[in-house]
Amino acid sequence: MPHLRFRGIATEPLAQLAPALVQQLSELTGAPVAHFTLERVHTEFIIAPAPGTGYPFVELLWFDRGQAVQDAAAKLITAAVQAELGAQTEVAVVVLPLTRTAYYDNGQHYG
């Protein structure tokens, strides 16, 4: 169920980093690889006063797994993006915890 939304990264680098990252996150969380989804969102960054290139921005939507696991996941995501785009690449990771009663699969919530 963990869902990752990537902005500010092209399709090719994301496709290259995805398999290893999902495997590492699966091992960290205990969630099966098949339960992960990755989405690349086309984004145009507007940095005053004109459009800019921005930087990789990742949203991680999942059920809360505690601070230690969340910290480890953010580090794995950052390392994977930097390995693909360069160690000096700034990477933002925002964790959006979901509640089980607010997540539905085929009309049924997880609560």
PDB file of N, CA and C in Angstrom:
ATOM      1  N   MET A   1       0.789  -1.186   0.000  1.00  0.00           N
ATOM      2  CA  MET A   1       0.000   0.000   0.000  1.00  0.00           C
ATOM      3  C   MET A   1       0.839   1.261   0.000  1.00  0.00           C
ATOM      4  N   PRO A   2       2.081   1.238   0.473  1.00  0.00           N
ATOM      5  CA  PRO A   2       2.829   2.486   0.409  1.00  0.00           C
ATOM      6  C   PRO A   2       2.838   3.037  -1.012  1.00  0.00           C
ATOM      7  N   HIS A   3       2.585   4.333  -1.122  1.00  0.00           N
ATOM      8  CA  HIS A   3       2.512   5.001  -2.415  1.00  0.00           C
ATOM      9  C   HIS A   3       3.508   6.150  -2.412  1.00  0.00           C
ATOM     10  N   LEU A   4       4.359   6.187  -3.430  1.00  0.00           N
ATOM     11  CA  LEU A   4       5.343   7.256  -3.548  1.00  0.00           C
ATOM     12  C   LEU A   4       5.039   8.082  -4.784  1.00  0.00           C
ATOM     13  N   ARG A   5       4.938   9.386  -4.597  1.00  0.00           N
ATOM     14  CA  ARG A   5       4.740  10.330  -5.703  1.00  0.00           C
ATOM     15  C   ARG A   5       6.028  11.115  -5.888  1.00  0.00           C
ATOM     16  N   PHE A   6       6.563  11.067  -7.089  1.00  0.00           N
ATOM     17  CA  PHE A   6       7.813  11.758  -7.404  1.00  0.00           C
ATOM     18  C   PHE A   6       7.532  12.955  -8.296  1.00  0.00           C
ATOM     19  N   ARG A   7       8.112  14.075  -7.943  1.00  0.00           N
ATOM     20  CA  ARG A   7       8.075  15.294  -8.760  1.00  0.00           C
ATOM     21  C   ARG A   7       9.519  15.734  -8.982  1.00  0.00           C
ATOM     22  N   GLY A   8       9.751  16.403 -10.081  1.00  0.00           N
ATOM     23  CA  GLY A   8      11.075  16.960 -10.327  1.00  0.00           C
ATOM     24  C   GLY A   8      12.128  15.928 -10.682  1.00  0.00           C
ATOM     25  N   ILE A   9      11.706  14.810 -11.221  1.00  0.00           N
ATOM     26  CA  ILE A   9      12.631  13.775 -11.681  1.00  0.00           C
ATOM     27  C   ILE A   9      12.052  13.186 -12.973  1.00  0.00           C
ATOM     28  N   ALA A  10      12.908  12.988 -13.940  1.00  0.00           N
ATOM     29  CA  ALA A  10      12.468  12.465 -15.232  1.00  0.00           C
ATOM     30  C   ALA A  10      12.128  10.976 -15.126  1.00  0.00           C
ATOM     31  N   THR A  11      11.407  10.484 -16.104  1.00  0.00           N
ATOM     32  CA  THR A  11      10.949   9.099 -16.114  1.00  0.00           C
ATOM     33  C   THR A  11      12.099   8.105 -16.096  1.00  0.00           C
ATOM     34  N   GLU A  12      13.099   8.323 -16.923  1.00  0.00           N
ATOM     35  CA  GLU A  12      14.210   7.370 -17.045  1.00  0.00           C
ATOM     36  C   GLU A  12      14.960   7.174 -15.726  1.00  0.00           C
ATOM     37  N   PRO A  13      15.401   8.237 -15.053  1.00  0.00           N
ATOM     38  CA  PRO A  13      16.084   8.002 -13.773  1.00  0.00           C
ATOM     39  C   PRO A  13      15.180   7.353 -12.729  1.00  0.00           C
ATOM     40  N   LEU A  14      13.903   7.709 -12.736  1.00  0.00           N
ATOM     41  CA  LEU A  14      12.975   7.099 -11.781  1.00  0.00           C
ATOM     42  C   LEU A  14      12.823   5.605 -12.062  1.00  0.00           C
ATOM     43  N   ALA A  15      12.707   5.250 -13.330  1.00  0.00           N
ATOM     44  CA  ALA A  15      12.594   3.836 -13.696  1.00  0.00           C
ATOM     45  C   ALA A  15      13.851   3.063 -13.305  1.00  0.00           C
ATOM     46  N   GLN A  16      15.007   3.709 -13.373  1.00  0.00           N
ATOM     47  CA  GLN A  16      16.258   3.050 -13.008  1.00  0.00           C
ATOM     48  C   GLN A  16      16.361   2.797 -11.508  1.00  0.00           C
ATOM     49  N   LEU A  17      15.908   3.745 -10.700  1.00  0.00           N
ATOM     50  CA  LEU A  17      16.064   3.601  -9.247  1.00  0.00           C
ATOM     51  C   LEU A  17      14.931   2.809  -8.598  1.00  0.00           C
ATOM     52  N   ALA A  18      13.801   2.702  -9.271  1.00  0.00           N
ATOM     53  CA  ALA A  18      12.597   2.113  -8.675  1.00  0.00           C
ATOM     54  C   ALA A  18      12.758   0.679  -8.158  1.00  0.00           C
ATOM     55  N   PRO A  19      13.280  -0.267  -8.947  1.00  0.00           N
ATOM     56  CA  PRO A  19      13.305  -1.654  -8.461  1.00  0.00           C
ATOM     57  C   PRO A  19      14.080  -1.832  -7.153  1.00  0.00           C
ATOM     58  N   ALA A  20      15.269  -1.281  -7.069  1.00  0.00           N
ATOM     59  CA  ALA A  20      16.070  -1.439  -5.851  1.00  0.00           C
ATOM     60  C   ALA A  20      15.440  -0.699  -4.679  1.00  0.00           C
ATOM     61  N   LEU A  21      14.896   0.490  -4.938  1.00  0.00           N
ATOM     62  CA  LEU A  21      14.276   1.260  -3.859  1.00  0.00           C
ATOM     63  C   LEU A  21      13.068   0.525  -3.293  1.00  0.00           C
ATOM     64  N   VAL A  22      12.223   0.009  -4.145  1.00  0.00           N
ATOM     65  CA  VAL A  22      11.038  -0.714  -3.671  1.00  0.00           C
ATOM     66  C   VAL A  22      11.456  -1.948  -2.876  1.00  0.00           C
ATOM     67  N   GLN A  23      12.485  -2.646  -3.334  1.00  0.00           N
ATOM     68  CA  GLN A  23      12.971  -3.822  -2.599  1.00  0.00           C
ATOM     69  C   GLN A  23      13.463  -3.424  -1.209  1.00  0.00           C
ATOM     70  N   GLN A  24      14.219  -2.345  -1.130  1.00  0.00           N
ATOM     71  CA  GLN A  24      14.742  -1.877   0.163  1.00  0.00           C
ATOM     72  C   GLN A  24      13.610  -1.429   1.089  1.00  0.00           C
ATOM     73  N   LEU A  25      12.637  -0.717   0.545  1.00  0.00           N
ATOM     74  CA  LEU A  25      11.508  -0.273   1.362  1.00  0.00           C
ATOM     75  C   LEU A  25      10.664  -1.458   1.816  1.00  0.00           C
ATOM     76  N   SER A  26      10.532  -2.460   0.967  1.00  0.00           N
ATOM     77  CA  SER A  26       9.802  -3.667   1.330  1.00  0.00           C
ATOM     78  C   SER A  26      10.483  -4.367   2.511  1.00  0.00           C
ATOM     79  N   GLU A  27      11.797  -4.480   2.447  1.00  0.00           N
ATOM     80  CA  GLU A  27      12.546  -5.107   3.532  1.00  0.00           C
ATOM     81  C   GLU A  27      12.431  -4.291   4.821  1.00  0.00           C
ATOM     82  N   LEU A  28      12.442  -2.981   4.699  1.00  0.00           N
ATOM     83  CA  LEU A  28      12.337  -2.108   5.870  1.00  0.00           C
ATOM     84  C   LEU A  28      10.973  -2.214   6.542  1.00  0.00           C
ATOM     85  N   THR A  29       9.915  -2.254   5.738  1.00  0.00           N
ATOM     86  CA  THR A  29       8.556  -2.166   6.272  1.00  0.00           C
ATOM     87  C   THR A  29       7.865  -3.511   6.448  1.00  0.00           C
ATOM     88  N   GLY A  30       8.329  -4.522   5.748  1.00  0.00           N
ATOM     89  CA  GLY A  30       7.647  -5.805   5.769  1.00  0.00           C
ATOM     90  C   GLY A  30       6.469  -5.862   4.814  1.00  0.00           C
ATOM     91  N   ALA A  31       6.228  -4.785   4.072  1.00  0.00           N
ATOM     92  CA  ALA A  31       5.156  -4.769   3.075  1.00  0.00           C
ATOM     93  C   ALA A  31       5.654  -5.457   1.804  1.00  0.00           C
ATOM     94  N   PRO A  32       4.830  -6.302   1.188  1.00  0.00           N
ATOM     95  CA  PRO A  32       5.252  -6.976  -0.043  1.00  0.00           C
ATOM     96  C   PRO A  32       5.573  -5.980  -1.160  1.00  0.00           C
ATOM     97  N   VAL A  33       6.537  -6.310  -1.985  1.00  0.00           N
ATOM     98  CA  VAL A  33       6.933  -5.458  -3.108  1.00  0.00           C
ATOM     99  C   VAL A  33       5.718  -5.100  -3.962  1.00  0.00           C
ATOM    100  N   ALA A  34       4.835  -6.051  -4.182  1.00  0.00           N
ATOM    101  CA  ALA A  34       3.661  -5.827  -5.028  1.00  0.00           C
ATOM    102  C   ALA A  34       2.701  -4.788  -4.459  1.00  0.00           C
ATOM    103  N   HIS A  35       2.817  -4.455  -3.184  1.00  0.00           N
ATOM    104  CA  HIS A  35       1.918  -3.480  -2.574  1.00  0.00           C
ATOM    105  C   HIS A  35       2.378  -2.038  -2.772  1.00  0.00           C
ATOM    106  N   PHE A  36       3.592  -1.831  -3.272  1.00  0.00           N
ATOM    107  CA  PHE A  36       4.119  -0.482  -3.486  1.00  0.00           C
ATOM    108  C   PHE A  36       3.671   0.053  -4.841  1.00  0.00           C
ATOM    109  N   THR A  37       3.359   1.329  -4.871  1.00  0.00           N
ATOM    110  CA  THR A  37       3.110   2.005  -6.138  1.00  0.00           C
ATOM    111  C   THR A  37       3.989   3.246  -6.193  1.00  0.00           C
ATOM    112  N   LEU A  38       4.522   3.510  -7.373  1.00  0.00           N
ATOM    113  CA  LEU A  38       5.297   4.715  -7.613  1.00  0.00           C
ATOM    114  C   LEU A  38       4.619   5.485  -8.731  1.00  0.00           C
ATOM    115  N   GLU A  39       4.563   6.766  -8.551  1.00  0.00           N
ATOM    116  CA  GLU A  39       3.907   7.636  -9.520  1.00  0.00           C
ATOM    117  C   GLU A  39       4.839   8.800  -9.830  1.00  0.00           C
ATOM    118  N   ARG A  40       5.003   9.106 -11.113  1.00  0.00           N
ATOM    119  CA  ARG A  40       5.754  10.287 -11.513  1.00  0.00           C
ATOM    120  C   ARG A  40       4.744  11.355 -11.900  1.00  0.00           C
ATOM    121  N   VAL A  41       4.784  12.469 -11.202  1.00  0.00           N
ATOM    122  CA  VAL A  41       3.853  13.559 -11.439  1.00  0.00           C
ATOM    123  C   VAL A  41       4.572  14.647 -12.236  1.00  0.00           C
ATOM    124  N   HIS A  42       4.016  14.994 -13.388  1.00  0.00           N
ATOM    125  CA  HIS A  42       4.591  16.086 -14.165  1.00  0.00           C
ATOM    126  C   HIS A  42       4.369  17.377 -13.393  1.00  0.00           C
ATOM    127  N   THR A  43       5.438  18.097 -13.160  1.00  0.00           N
ATOM    128  CA  THR A  43       5.377  19.290 -12.344  1.00  0.00           C
ATOM    129  C   THR A  43       6.141  20.418 -13.002  1.00  0.00           C
ATOM    130  N   GLU A  44       5.602  21.592 -12.900  1.00  0.00           N
ATOM    131  CA  GLU A  44       6.324  22.787 -13.319  1.00  0.00           C
ATOM    132  C   GLU A  44       6.543  23.630 -12.076  1.00  0.00           C
ATOM    133  N   PHE A  45       7.801  23.787 -11.690  1.00  0.00           N
ATOM    134  CA  PHE A  45       8.128  24.585 -10.522  1.00  0.00           C
ATOM    135  C   PHE A  45       8.130  26.063 -10.901  1.00  0.00           C
ATOM    136  N   ILE A  46       7.530  26.871 -10.084  1.00  0.00           N
ATOM    137  CA  ILE A  46       7.534  28.318 -10.276  1.00  0.00           C
ATOM    138  C   ILE A  46       8.357  28.913  -9.145  1.00  0.00           C
ATOM    139  N   ILE A  47       9.524  29.374  -9.490  1.00  0.00           N
ATOM    140  CA  ILE A  47      10.409  29.983  -8.514  1.00  0.00           C
ATOM    141  C   ILE A  47      10.523  31.451  -8.898  1.00  0.00           C
ATOM    142  N   ALA A  48       9.973  32.322  -8.046  1.00  0.00           N
ATOM    143  CA  ALA A  48       9.884  33.746  -8.362  1.00  0.00           C
ATOM    144  C   ALA A  48      11.226  34.276  -8.844  1.00  0.00           C
ATOM    145  N   PRO A  49      11.237  35.050  -9.890  1.00  0.00           N
ATOM    146  CA  PRO A  49      10.077  35.560 -10.623  1.00  0.00           C
ATOM    147  C   PRO A  49       9.727  34.763 -11.876  1.00  0.00           C
ATOM    148  N   ALA A  50      10.377  33.622 -12.118  1.00  0.00           N
ATOM    149  CA  ALA A  50      10.131  32.873 -13.352  1.00  0.00           C
ATOM    150  C   ALA A  50      10.142  31.373 -13.072  1.00  0.00           C
ATOM    151  N   PRO A  51       9.643  30.579 -14.028  1.00  0.00           N
ATOM    152  CA  PRO A  51       9.692  29.129 -13.842  1.00  0.00           C
ATOM    153  C   PRO A  51      11.124  28.650 -13.616  1.00  0.00           C
ATOM    154  N   GLY A  52      11.276  27.632 -12.793  1.00  0.00           N
ATOM    155  CA  GLY A  52      12.598  27.091 -12.492  1.00  0.00           C
ATOM    156  C   GLY A  52      12.622  25.597 -12.694  1.00  0.00           C
ATOM    157  N   THR A  53      13.764  25.003 -12.453  1.00  0.00           N
ATOM    158  CA  THR A  53      13.900  23.568 -12.664  1.00  0.00           C
ATOM    159  C   THR A  53      13.470  22.773 -11.446  1.00  0.00           C
ATOM    160  N   GLY A  54      13.534  23.368 -10.267  1.00  0.00           N
ATOM    161  CA  GLY A  54      13.132  22.656  -9.061  1.00  0.00           C
ATOM    162  C   GLY A  54      14.109  21.550  -8.717  1.00  0.00           C
ATOM    163  N   TYR A  55      13.670  20.640  -7.862  1.00  0.00           N
ATOM    164  CA  TYR A  55      14.502  19.533  -7.406  1.00  0.00           C
ATOM    165  C   TYR A  55      13.575  18.375  -7.072  1.00  0.00           C
ATOM    166  N   PRO A  56      14.109  17.171  -6.952  1.00  0.00           N
ATOM    167  CA  PRO A  56      13.247  16.031  -6.652  1.00  0.00           C
ATOM    168  C   PRO A  56      12.496  16.213  -5.327  1.00  0.00           C
ATOM    169  N   PHE A  57      11.216  15.967  -5.397  1.00  0.00           N
ATOM    170  CA  PHE A  57      10.308  16.113  -4.265  1.00  0.00           C
ATOM    171  C   PHE A  57       9.481  14.845  -4.222  1.00  0.00           C
ATOM    172  N   VAL A  58       9.530  14.139  -3.101  1.00  0.00           N
ATOM    173  CA  VAL A  58       8.867  12.842  -2.996  1.00  0.00           C
ATOM    174  C   VAL A  58       7.860  12.877  -1.856  1.00  0.00           C
ATOM    175  N   GLU A  59       6.645  12.464  -2.154  1.00  0.00           N
ATOM    176  CA  GLU A  59       5.620  12.301  -1.128  1.00  0.00           C
ATOM    177  C   GLU A  59       5.466  10.812  -0.873  1.00  0.00           C
ATOM    178  N   LEU A  60       5.508  10.434   0.393  1.00  0.00           N
ATOM    179  CA  LEU A  60       5.338   9.043   0.788  1.00  0.00           C
ATOM    180  C   LEU A  60       4.031   8.942   1.562  1.00  0.00           C
ATOM    181  N   LEU A  61       3.057   8.282   0.974  1.00  0.00           N
ATOM    182  CA  LEU A  61       1.757   8.080   1.616  1.00  0.00           C
ATOM    183  C   LEU A  61       1.711   6.649   2.118  1.00  0.00           C
ATOM    184  N   TRP A  62       1.472   6.484   3.425  1.00  0.00           N
ATOM    185  CA  TRP A  62       1.430   5.143   4.004  1.00  0.00           C
ATOM    186  C   TRP A  62       0.805   5.184   5.375  1.00  0.00           C
ATOM    187  N   PHE A  63       0.555   3.999   5.935  1.00  0.00           N
ATOM    188  CA  PHE A  63       0.103   3.898   7.312  1.00  0.00           C
ATOM    189  C   PHE A  63       1.320   4.125   8.209  1.00  0.00           C
ATOM    190  N   ASP A  64       1.142   4.860   9.279  1.00  0.00           N
ATOM    191  CA  ASP A  64       2.230   5.204  10.187  1.00  0.00           C
ATOM    192  C   ASP A  64       2.970   3.953  10.650  1.00  0.00           C
ATOM    193  N   ARG A  65       4.286   3.993  10.565  1.00  0.00           N
ATOM    194  CA  ARG A  65       5.131   2.869  10.985  1.00  0.00           C
ATOM    195  C   ARG A  65       6.130   3.282  12.062  1.00  0.00           C
ATOM    196  N   GLY A  66       5.900   4.418  12.674  1.00  0.00           N
ATOM    197  CA  GLY A  66       6.789   4.897  13.719  1.00  0.00           C
ATOM    198  C   GLY A  66       7.910   5.760  13.168  1.00  0.00           C
ATOM    199  N   GLN A  67       8.469   6.587  14.042  1.00  0.00           N
ATOM    200  CA  GLN A  67       9.478   7.564  13.624  1.00  0.00           C
ATOM    201  C   GLN A  67      10.749   6.919  13.085  1.00  0.00           C
ATOM    202  N   ALA A  68      11.212   5.845  13.719  1.00  0.00           N
ATOM    203  CA  ALA A  68      12.465   5.215  13.279  1.00  0.00           C
ATOM    204  C   ALA A  68      12.343   4.661  11.860  1.00  0.00           C
ATOM    205  N   VAL A  69      11.234   4.002  11.555  1.00  0.00           N
ATOM    206  CA  VAL A  69      11.031   3.455  10.213  1.00  0.00           C
ATOM    207  C   VAL A  69      10.835   4.587   9.210  1.00  0.00           C
ATOM    208  N   GLN A  70      10.110   5.614   9.623  1.00  0.00           N
ATOM    209  CA  GLN A  70       9.910   6.773   8.745  1.00  0.00           C
ATOM    210  C   GLN A  70      11.248   7.431   8.416  1.00  0.00           C
ATOM    211  N   ASP A  71      12.092   7.631   9.415  1.00  0.00           N
ATOM    212  CA  ASP A  71      13.413   8.220   9.180  1.00  0.00           C
ATOM    213  C   ASP A  71      14.239   7.358   8.238  1.00  0.00           C
ATOM    214  N   ALA A  72      14.211   6.057   8.449  1.00  0.00           N
ATOM    215  CA  ALA A  72      14.967   5.141   7.601  1.00  0.00           C
ATOM    216  C   ALA A  72      14.447   5.161   6.163  1.00  0.00           C
ATOM    217  N   ALA A  73      13.128   5.233   5.997  1.00  0.00           N
ATOM    218  CA  ALA A  73      12.540   5.291   4.654  1.00  0.00           C
ATOM    219  C   ALA A  73      12.959   6.572   3.939  1.00  0.00           C
ATOM    220  N   ALA A  74      12.926   7.686   4.638  1.00  0.00           N
ATOM    221  CA  ALA A  74      13.338   8.960   4.032  1.00  0.00           C
ATOM    222  C   ALA A  74      14.801   8.903   3.597  1.00  0.00           C
ATOM    223  N   LYS A  75      15.645   8.265   4.393  1.00  0.00           N
ATOM    224  CA  LYS A  75      17.057   8.131   4.031  1.00  0.00           C
ATOM    225  C   LYS A  75      17.235   7.219   2.822  1.00  0.00           C
ATOM    226  N   LEU A  76      16.475   6.128   2.755  1.00  0.00           N
ATOM    227  CA  LEU A  76      16.554   5.235   1.596  1.00  0.00           C
ATOM    228  C   LEU A  76      16.124   5.960   0.321  1.00  0.00           C
ATOM    229  N   ILE A  77      15.034   6.704   0.393  1.00  0.00           N
ATOM    230  CA  ILE A  77      14.534   7.439  -0.770  1.00  0.00           C
ATOM    231  C   ILE A  77      15.560   8.476  -1.220  1.00  0.00           C
ATOM    232  N   THR A  78      16.081   9.242  -0.269  1.00  0.00           N
ATOM    233  CA  THR A  78      17.078  10.266  -0.594  1.00  0.00           C
ATOM    234  C   THR A  78      18.310   9.641  -1.232  1.00  0.00           C
ATOM    235  N   ALA A  79      18.821   8.571  -0.648  1.00  0.00           N
ATOM    236  CA  ALA A  79      20.020   7.906  -1.176  1.00  0.00           C
ATOM    237  C   ALA A  79      19.785   7.370  -2.581  1.00  0.00           C
ATOM    238  N   ALA A  80      18.598   6.809  -2.839  1.00  0.00           N
ATOM    239  CA  ALA A  80      18.297   6.258  -4.160  1.00  0.00           C
ATOM    240  C   ALA A  80      18.263   7.355  -5.217  1.00  0.00           C
ATOM    241  N   VAL A  81      17.629   8.471  -4.894  1.00  0.00           N
ATOM    242  CA  VAL A  81      17.552   9.582  -5.851  1.00  0.00           C
ATOM    243  C   VAL A  81      18.943  10.173  -6.081  1.00  0.00           C
ATOM    244  N   GLN A  82      19.694  10.363  -5.008  1.00  0.00           N
ATOM    245  CA  GLN A  82      21.036  10.925  -5.152  1.00  0.00           C
ATOM    246  C   GLN A  82      21.971   9.981  -5.901  1.00  0.00           C
ATOM    247  N   ALA A  83      21.822   8.683  -5.731  1.00  0.00           N
ATOM    248  CA  ALA A  83      22.642   7.724  -6.463  1.00  0.00           C
ATOM    249  C   ALA A  83      22.391   7.831  -7.962  1.00  0.00           C
ATOM    250  N   GLU A  84      21.172   8.159  -8.331  1.00  0.00           N
ATOM    251  CA  GLU A  84      20.803   8.266  -9.747  1.00  0.00           C
ATOM    252  C   GLU A  84      21.123   9.640 -10.324  1.00  0.00           C
ATOM    253  N   LEU A  85      20.930  10.696  -9.529  1.00  0.00           N
ATOM    254  CA  LEU A  85      21.065  12.069 -10.043  1.00  0.00           C
ATOM    255  C   LEU A  85      22.322  12.794  -9.577  1.00  0.00           C
ATOM    256  N   GLY A  86      23.035  12.232  -8.634  1.00  0.00           N
ATOM    257  CA  GLY A  86      24.241  12.873  -8.131  1.00  0.00           C
ATOM    258  C   GLY A  86      24.125  13.175  -6.648  1.00  0.00           C
ATOM    259  N   ALA A  87      25.223  13.001  -5.953  1.00  0.00           N
ATOM    260  CA  ALA A  87      25.245  13.137  -4.493  1.00  0.00           C
ATOM    261  C   ALA A  87      24.902  14.543  -4.021  1.00  0.00           C
ATOM    262  N   GLN A  88      25.098  15.533  -4.860  1.00  0.00           N
ATOM    263  CA  GLN A  88      24.818  16.920  -4.455  1.00  0.00           C
ATOM    264  C   GLN A  88      23.364  17.324  -4.694  1.00  0.00           C
ATOM    265  N   THR A  89      22.567  16.411  -5.237  1.00  0.00           N
ATOM    266  CA  THR A  89      21.165  16.711  -5.519  1.00  0.00           C
ATOM    267  C   THR A  89      20.389  16.881  -4.223  1.00  0.00           C
ATOM    268  N   GLU A  90      19.685  18.002  -4.108  1.00  0.00           N
ATOM    269  CA  GLU A  90      18.814  18.220  -2.950  1.00  0.00           C
ATOM    270  C   GLU A  90      17.533  17.423  -3.170  1.00  0.00           C
ATOM    271  N   VAL A  91      17.113  16.672  -2.170  1.00  0.00           N
ATOM    272  CA  VAL A  91      15.921  15.833  -2.272  1.00  0.00           C
ATOM    273  C   VAL A  91      15.015  16.136  -1.086  1.00  0.00           C
ATOM    274  N   ALA A  92      13.769  16.433  -1.365  1.00  0.00           N
ATOM    275  CA  ALA A  92      12.783  16.633  -0.301  1.00  0.00           C
ATOM    276  C   ALA A  92      11.898  15.399  -0.219  1.00  0.00           C
ATOM    277  N   VAL A  93      11.662  14.925   1.000  1.00  0.00           N
ATOM    278  CA  VAL A  93      10.750  13.804   1.231  1.00  0.00           C
ATOM    279  C   VAL A  93       9.722  14.271   2.253  1.00  0.00           C
ATOM    280  N   VAL A  94       8.449  14.144   1.897  1.00  0.00           N
ATOM    281  CA  VAL A  94       7.365  14.513   2.795  1.00  0.00           C
ATOM    282  C   VAL A  94       6.538  13.257   3.056  1.00  0.00           C
ATOM    283  N   VAL A  95       6.385  12.915   4.324  1.00  0.00           N
ATOM    284  CA  VAL A  95       5.619  11.726   4.689  1.00  0.00           C
ATOM    285  C   VAL A  95       4.198  12.154   5.036  1.00  0.00           C
ATOM    286  N   LEU A  96       3.237  11.514   4.387  1.00  0.00           N
ATOM    287  CA  LEU A  96       1.829  11.802   4.606  1.00  0.00           C
ATOM    288  C   LEU A  96       1.173  10.552   5.172  1.00  0.00           C
ATOM    289  N   PRO A  97       1.108  10.452   6.499  1.00  0.00           N
ATOM    290  CA  PRO A  97       0.513   9.259   7.095  1.00  0.00           C
ATOM    291  C   PRO A  97      -0.985   9.180   6.827  1.00  0.00           C
ATOM    292  N   LEU A  98      -1.436   7.989   6.515  1.00  0.00           N
ATOM    293  CA  LEU A  98      -2.855   7.740   6.265  1.00  0.00           C
ATOM    294  C   LEU A  98      -3.436   6.979   7.448  1.00  0.00           C
ATOM    295  N   THR A  99      -4.710   7.180   7.688  1.00  0.00           N
ATOM    296  CA  THR A  99      -5.380   6.380   8.710  1.00  0.00           C
ATOM    297  C   THR A  99      -6.099   5.225   8.019  1.00  0.00           C
ATOM    298  N   ARG A 100      -6.145   4.097   8.679  1.00  0.00           N
ATOM    299  CA  ARG A 100      -6.745   2.905   8.084  1.00  0.00           C
ATOM    300  C   ARG A 100      -8.227   3.101   7.761  1.00  0.00           C
ATOM    301  N   THR A 101      -8.924   3.883   8.576  1.00  0.00           N
ATOM    302  CA  THR A 101     -10.353   4.086   8.333  1.00  0.00           C
ATOM    303  C   THR A 101     -10.612   5.090   7.214  1.00  0.00           C
ATOM    304  N   ALA A 102      -9.559   5.770   6.722  1.00  0.00           N
ATOM    305  CA  ALA A 102      -9.710   6.725   5.635  1.00  0.00           C
ATOM    306  C   ALA A 102      -9.128   6.195   4.325  1.00  0.00           C
ATOM    307  N   TYR A 103      -8.692   4.934   4.313  1.00  0.00           N
ATOM    308  CA  TYR A 103      -8.132   4.328   3.111  1.00  0.00           C
ATOM    309  C   TYR A 103      -9.044   3.182   2.688  1.00  0.00           C
ATOM    310  N   TYR A 104      -9.526   3.246   1.466  1.00  0.00           N
ATOM    311  CA  TYR A 104     -10.482   2.254   0.968  1.00  0.00           C
ATOM    312  C   TYR A 104      -9.880   1.474  -0.193  1.00  0.00           C
ATOM    313  N   ASP A 105     -10.140   0.205  -0.208  1.00  0.00           N
ATOM    314  CA  ASP A 105      -9.764  -0.680  -1.298  1.00  0.00           C
ATOM    315  C   ASP A 105     -11.032  -1.427  -1.704  1.00  0.00           C
ATOM    316  N   ASN A 106     -11.499  -1.165  -2.919  1.00  0.00           N
ATOM    317  CA  ASN A 106     -12.744  -1.765  -3.398  1.00  0.00           C
ATOM    318  C   ASN A 106     -13.915  -1.477  -2.464  1.00  0.00           C
ATOM    319  N   GLY A 107     -13.960  -0.246  -1.965  1.00  0.00           N
ATOM    320  CA  GLY A 107     -15.088   0.179  -1.122  1.00  0.00           C
ATOM    321  C   GLY A 107     -14.998  -0.194   0.337  1.00  0.00           C
ATOM    322  N   GLN A 108     -13.941  -0.888   0.729  1.00  0.00           N
ATOM    323  CA  GLN A 108     -13.794  -1.317   2.123  1.00  0.00           C
ATOM    324  C   GLN A 108     -12.579  -0.627   2.742  1.00  0.00           C
ATOM    325  N   HIS A 109     -12.769  -0.060   3.932  1.00  0.00           N
ATOM    326  CA  HIS A 109     -11.613   0.556   4.594  1.00  0.00           C
ATOM    327  C   HIS A 109     -10.874  -0.478   5.417  1.00  0.00           C
ATOM    328  N   TYR A 110      -9.670  -0.104   5.806  1.00  0.00           N
ATOM    329  CA  TYR A 110      -8.775  -1.018   6.512  1.00  0.00           C
ATOM    330  C   TYR A 110      -8.954  -0.984   8.025  1.00  0.00           C
ATOM    331  N   GLY A 111      -9.842  -0.149   8.549  1.00  0.00           N
ATOM    332  CA  GLY A 111      -9.959   0.062   9.973  1.00  0.00           C
ATOM    333  C   GLY A 111     -10.547  -1.059  10.753  1.00  0.00           C
TER     334      GLY A 111
END
